[in-house]
Amino acid sequence: MNHPLASARLLITGFGRFPGAPANPSGTLARALARSRRLSELDIAVRVLPTAWEEAQAFPALLQRLSPDIVLMLGLAGRRRDICVECLGRRTRGGFPDVRRRRPAAHPGKTGPALRYATADAIDLVHALRGAHAPARVSRDAGRYICNALAYGAYGWARAAEPARRAVFVHIPYPRAGLTGPALLRALEALVLRLVAQHQQAHLNPRHLTAASPP
């Protein structure tokens, strides 16, 4: 008999370095989650993406190919102190260069709505993080960089998929005293387990697709 947790396919992503951040803990944590004994019953795929605009543009095609039930995207927000669950992605983007020194198109066009919402319950995820003794909050601003572009594409894919999938972007701060790397890992393990619980609840009640936070 299969373990109940094994019924969900997860994709966890992190990023590599980018201008101003020669080391990016999001990629390290993504890999650590895949190796976690606490999550060993889960079917987890990991991708550590170059911090490049073209990676965000290609991400929906990767999701279509892998077809995960749950997508957890991790990124670094070095100026923040809390773990931030990003409840929305915006179509707009800034003109900042990526790790390949490329900038996005000056005018991204108007393909898609101005805002797209996560397909996981962000408030519930924040409770899971706080239950693991990590500072956490819901955020409505994923920035104007590649993190936001990745979230926007993934949220659109997740809502259009049949059946709809769980997708959420989580910004992490730099590890520090009181929120060390191991502490961040434990908190994210709790978040992953809560995401799986949301996925299982949706299977019991197919209409139970909760926007991360009502607009």
Protein backbone atom coordinates (compact mmCIF):
# COMPACT_ATOMS: atom_id res chain seq x y z
CA MET A 1 0.00 0.00 0.00
CA ASN A 2 1.40 3.39 -0.95
CA HIS A 3 2.14 5.92 1.73
CA PRO A 4 -0.54 8.67 1.64
CA LEU A 5 2.10 11.36 1.17
CA ALA A 6 3.43 9.67 -1.96
CA SER A 7 0.33 10.54 -4.00
CA ALA A 8 1.54 14.09 -4.71
CA ARG A 9 4.27 15.03 -7.17
CA LEU A 10 6.19 18.10 -6.09
CA LEU A 11 8.51 20.44 -7.92
CA ILE A 12 10.69 22.62 -5.71
CA THR A 13 12.78 25.34 -7.30
CA GLY A 14 15.47 27.67 -6.05
CA PHE A 15 17.77 30.15 -7.73
CA GLY A 16 21.49 30.51 -8.20
CA ARG A 17 23.48 33.66 -7.65
CA PHE A 18 22.49 37.03 -9.09
CA PRO A 19 23.97 40.54 -9.14
CA GLY A 20 24.38 41.63 -5.53
CA ALA A 21 24.01 38.08 -4.17
CA PRO A 22 27.06 35.92 -4.91
CA ALA A 23 25.52 33.13 -2.82
CA ASN A 24 21.84 32.28 -2.88
CA PRO A 25 20.51 30.07 -0.07
CA SER A 26 17.27 29.32 -1.93
CA GLY A 27 19.00 26.80 -4.19
CA THR A 28 20.72 25.15 -1.24
CA LEU A 29 17.43 24.86 0.63
CA ALA A 30 15.60 23.47 -2.39
CA ARG A 31 18.14 20.65 -2.63
CA ALA A 32 18.06 20.09 1.13
CA LEU A 33 14.27 19.67 1.06
CA ALA A 34 14.60 16.95 -1.57
CA ARG A 35 17.09 15.10 0.70
CA SER A 36 15.10 15.65 3.90
CA ARG A 37 14.33 12.50 5.88
CA ARG A 38 11.17 14.20 7.10
CA LEU A 39 9.95 14.41 3.50
CA SER A 40 11.40 11.11 2.32
CA GLU A 41 7.98 9.67 1.40
CA LEU A 42 7.31 12.46 -1.07
CA ASP A 43 7.98 12.43 -4.80
CA ILE A 44 10.11 15.58 -5.10
CA ALA A 45 11.85 16.95 -8.17
CA VAL A 46 14.25 19.87 -7.76
CA ARG A 47 15.43 22.52 -10.18
CA VAL A 48 17.94 25.22 -9.24
CA LEU A 49 17.40 27.83 -11.92
CA PRO A 50 19.88 30.40 -13.17
CA THR A 51 18.62 33.82 -12.16
CA ALA A 52 17.83 34.79 -15.73
CA TRP A 53 14.81 36.41 -17.32
CA GLU A 54 14.60 33.73 -19.99
CA GLU A 55 14.29 31.06 -17.28
CA ALA A 56 11.12 32.72 -16.00
CA GLN A 57 9.76 32.96 -19.54
CA ALA A 58 10.39 29.25 -20.12
CA PHE A 59 9.06 28.11 -16.74
CA PRO A 60 5.41 27.43 -17.74
CA ALA A 61 6.68 25.09 -20.48
CA LEU A 62 8.77 23.23 -17.88
CA LEU A 63 5.69 22.92 -15.67
CA GLN A 64 3.65 21.60 -18.56
CA ARG A 65 6.30 18.97 -19.23
CA LEU A 66 6.79 17.85 -15.61
CA SER A 67 3.11 18.27 -14.62
CA PRO A 68 3.65 18.49 -10.84
CA ASP A 69 0.73 18.55 -8.43
CA ILE A 70 2.50 21.08 -6.21
CA VAL A 71 5.00 23.78 -7.18
CA LEU A 72 7.03 25.43 -4.43
CA MET A 73 9.31 28.21 -5.68
CA LEU A 74 11.96 29.61 -3.35
CA GLY A 75 13.83 32.87 -3.77
CA LEU A 76 16.01 35.20 -1.75
CA ALA A 77 14.79 38.55 -0.44
CA GLY A 78 17.95 39.71 1.29
CA ARG A 79 16.47 42.84 2.85
CA ARG A 80 13.56 41.07 4.50
CA ARG A 81 13.56 39.57 7.99
CA ASP A 82 10.56 37.25 7.63
CA ILE A 83 9.81 34.29 5.41
CA CYS A 84 7.28 35.76 2.97
CA VAL A 85 4.57 33.72 1.29
CA GLU A 86 3.85 35.58 -1.95
CA CYS A 87 0.13 35.55 -2.59
CA LEU A 88 0.31 37.21 -6.01
CA GLY A 89 2.50 37.84 -9.02
CA ARG A 90 2.35 40.95 -11.20
CA ARG A 91 2.62 41.23 -14.95
CA THR A 92 4.87 44.28 -14.63
CA ARG A 93 8.61 43.88 -14.17
CA GLY A 94 11.64 46.03 -13.56
CA GLY A 95 14.54 46.55 -15.92
CA PHE A 96 17.17 45.01 -13.68
CA PRO A 97 19.92 42.90 -15.29
CA ASP A 98 20.07 39.18 -14.59
CA VAL A 99 23.06 36.95 -13.91
CA ARG A 100 23.74 36.90 -17.66
CA ARG A 101 23.71 40.72 -17.72
CA ARG A 102 20.55 40.73 -19.77
CA ARG A 103 17.52 42.90 -19.17
CA PRO A 104 13.88 42.05 -19.87
CA ALA A 105 12.01 43.48 -22.81
CA ALA A 106 11.15 47.10 -22.17
CA HIS A 107 7.46 46.40 -22.79
CA PRO A 108 6.32 42.93 -21.68
CA GLY A 109 2.97 43.35 -23.39
CA LYS A 110 -0.46 42.73 -21.95
CA THR A 111 -0.66 38.96 -22.19
CA GLY A 112 -2.56 37.86 -19.12
CA PRO A 113 -4.17 39.78 -16.26
CA ALA A 114 -2.31 42.42 -14.29
CA LEU A 115 -2.30 40.16 -11.21
CA ARG A 116 -2.29 36.41 -10.77
CA TYR A 117 -2.95 34.78 -7.42
CA ALA A 118 -1.28 31.79 -5.86
CA THR A 119 -3.31 28.59 -5.76
CA ALA A 120 -2.32 27.69 -2.21
CA ASP A 121 -3.73 29.08 1.02
CA ALA A 122 -1.01 31.54 2.05
CA ILE A 123 -2.45 32.23 5.50
CA ASP A 124 -2.49 28.52 6.27
CA LEU A 125 1.13 28.25 5.11
CA VAL A 126 2.16 31.16 7.32
CA HIS A 127 0.60 29.34 10.27
CA ALA A 128 2.69 26.28 9.41
CA LEU A 129 5.87 28.36 9.29
CA ARG A 130 5.11 30.08 12.57
CA GLY A 131 4.29 26.72 14.11
CA ALA A 132 7.88 25.77 13.24
CA HIS A 133 9.05 28.88 15.18
CA ALA A 134 9.98 30.90 12.10
CA PRO A 135 8.99 34.55 11.52
CA ALA A 136 6.60 34.54 8.59
CA ARG A 137 3.97 36.67 6.89
CA VAL A 138 1.84 36.91 3.77
CA SER A 139 3.27 39.28 1.17
CA ARG A 140 1.51 41.01 -1.70
CA ASP A 141 4.74 42.27 -3.28
CA ALA A 142 7.07 39.72 -4.86
CA GLY A 143 9.18 42.53 -6.28
CA ARG A 144 9.80 43.36 -9.94
CA TYR A 145 12.60 40.91 -10.58
CA ILE A 146 12.79 37.32 -11.80
CA CYS A 147 11.13 35.93 -8.65
CA ASN A 148 7.96 37.83 -9.48
CA ALA A 149 8.12 36.82 -13.15
CA LEU A 150 8.49 33.15 -12.18
CA ALA A 151 5.56 33.37 -9.76
CA TYR A 152 3.34 35.13 -12.33
CA GLY A 153 3.91 32.42 -14.92
CA ALA A 154 3.50 29.56 -12.46
CA TYR A 155 0.30 30.95 -10.96
CA GLY A 156 -1.23 31.25 -14.40
CA TRP A 157 -0.23 27.69 -15.30
CA ALA A 158 -1.55 26.29 -12.01
CA ARG A 159 -5.01 27.80 -12.44
CA ALA A 160 -5.31 26.74 -16.06
CA ALA A 161 -4.24 23.13 -15.41
CA GLU A 162 -6.85 20.37 -15.17
CA PRO A 163 -7.21 19.66 -12.35
CA ALA A 164 -5.88 22.91 -10.90
CA ARG A 165 -2.54 22.60 -9.13
CA ARG A 166 -1.01 24.16 -6.03
CA ALA A 167 1.64 26.78 -6.76
CA VAL A 168 3.23 29.26 -4.37
CA PHE A 169 6.37 31.38 -4.25
CA VAL A 170 8.16 31.85 -0.94
CA HIS A 171 10.83 34.48 -0.32
CA ILE A 172 13.39 33.63 2.34
CA PRO A 173 15.75 36.02 4.13
CA TYR A 174 19.44 35.40 4.59
CA PRO A 175 20.12 32.95 7.43
CA ARG A 176 21.10 34.70 10.63
CA ALA A 177 21.31 34.20 14.36
CA GLY A 178 17.86 33.06 15.44
CA LEU A 179 16.97 31.93 11.93
CA THR A 180 19.83 29.68 10.90
CA GLY A 181 20.00 27.53 7.81
CA PRO A 182 18.78 24.44 9.72
CA ALA A 183 15.93 26.48 11.22
CA LEU A 184 14.90 27.67 7.76
CA LEU A 185 14.97 24.08 6.54
CA ARG A 186 12.74 22.88 9.39
CA ALA A 187 10.26 25.68 8.70
CA LEU A 188 10.16 24.89 4.99
CA GLU A 189 9.67 21.19 5.74
CA ALA A 190 6.58 22.17 7.72
CA LEU A 191 5.40 24.33 4.83
CA VAL A 192 5.83 21.46 2.35
CA LEU A 193 3.80 19.12 4.55
CA ARG A 194 1.05 21.73 4.80
CA LEU A 195 1.05 22.13 1.02
CA VAL A 196 0.60 18.38 0.68
CA ALA A 197 -2.29 18.53 3.16
CA GLN A 198 -3.92 21.26 1.06
CA HIS A 199 -3.48 19.11 -2.04
CA GLN A 200 -5.08 16.13 -0.31
CA GLN A 201 -7.97 18.29 0.90
CA ALA A 202 -8.57 19.43 -2.66
CA HIS A 203 -8.84 15.80 -3.75
CA LEU A 204 -11.46 15.18 -1.08
CA ASN A 205 -13.31 18.33 -2.11
CA PRO A 206 -12.54 19.22 -5.75
CA ARG A 207 -14.08 22.68 -5.33
CA HIS A 208 -11.62 23.45 -2.54
CA LEU A 209 -9.16 25.59 -4.50
CA THR A 210 -8.32 28.43 -2.20
CA ALA A 211 -6.72 31.58 -3.51
CA ALA A 212 -3.71 32.49 -1.43
CA SER A 213 -5.40 35.61 -0.19
CA PRO A 214 -8.53 37.26 -1.53
CA PRO A 215 -7.76 40.33 -3.63
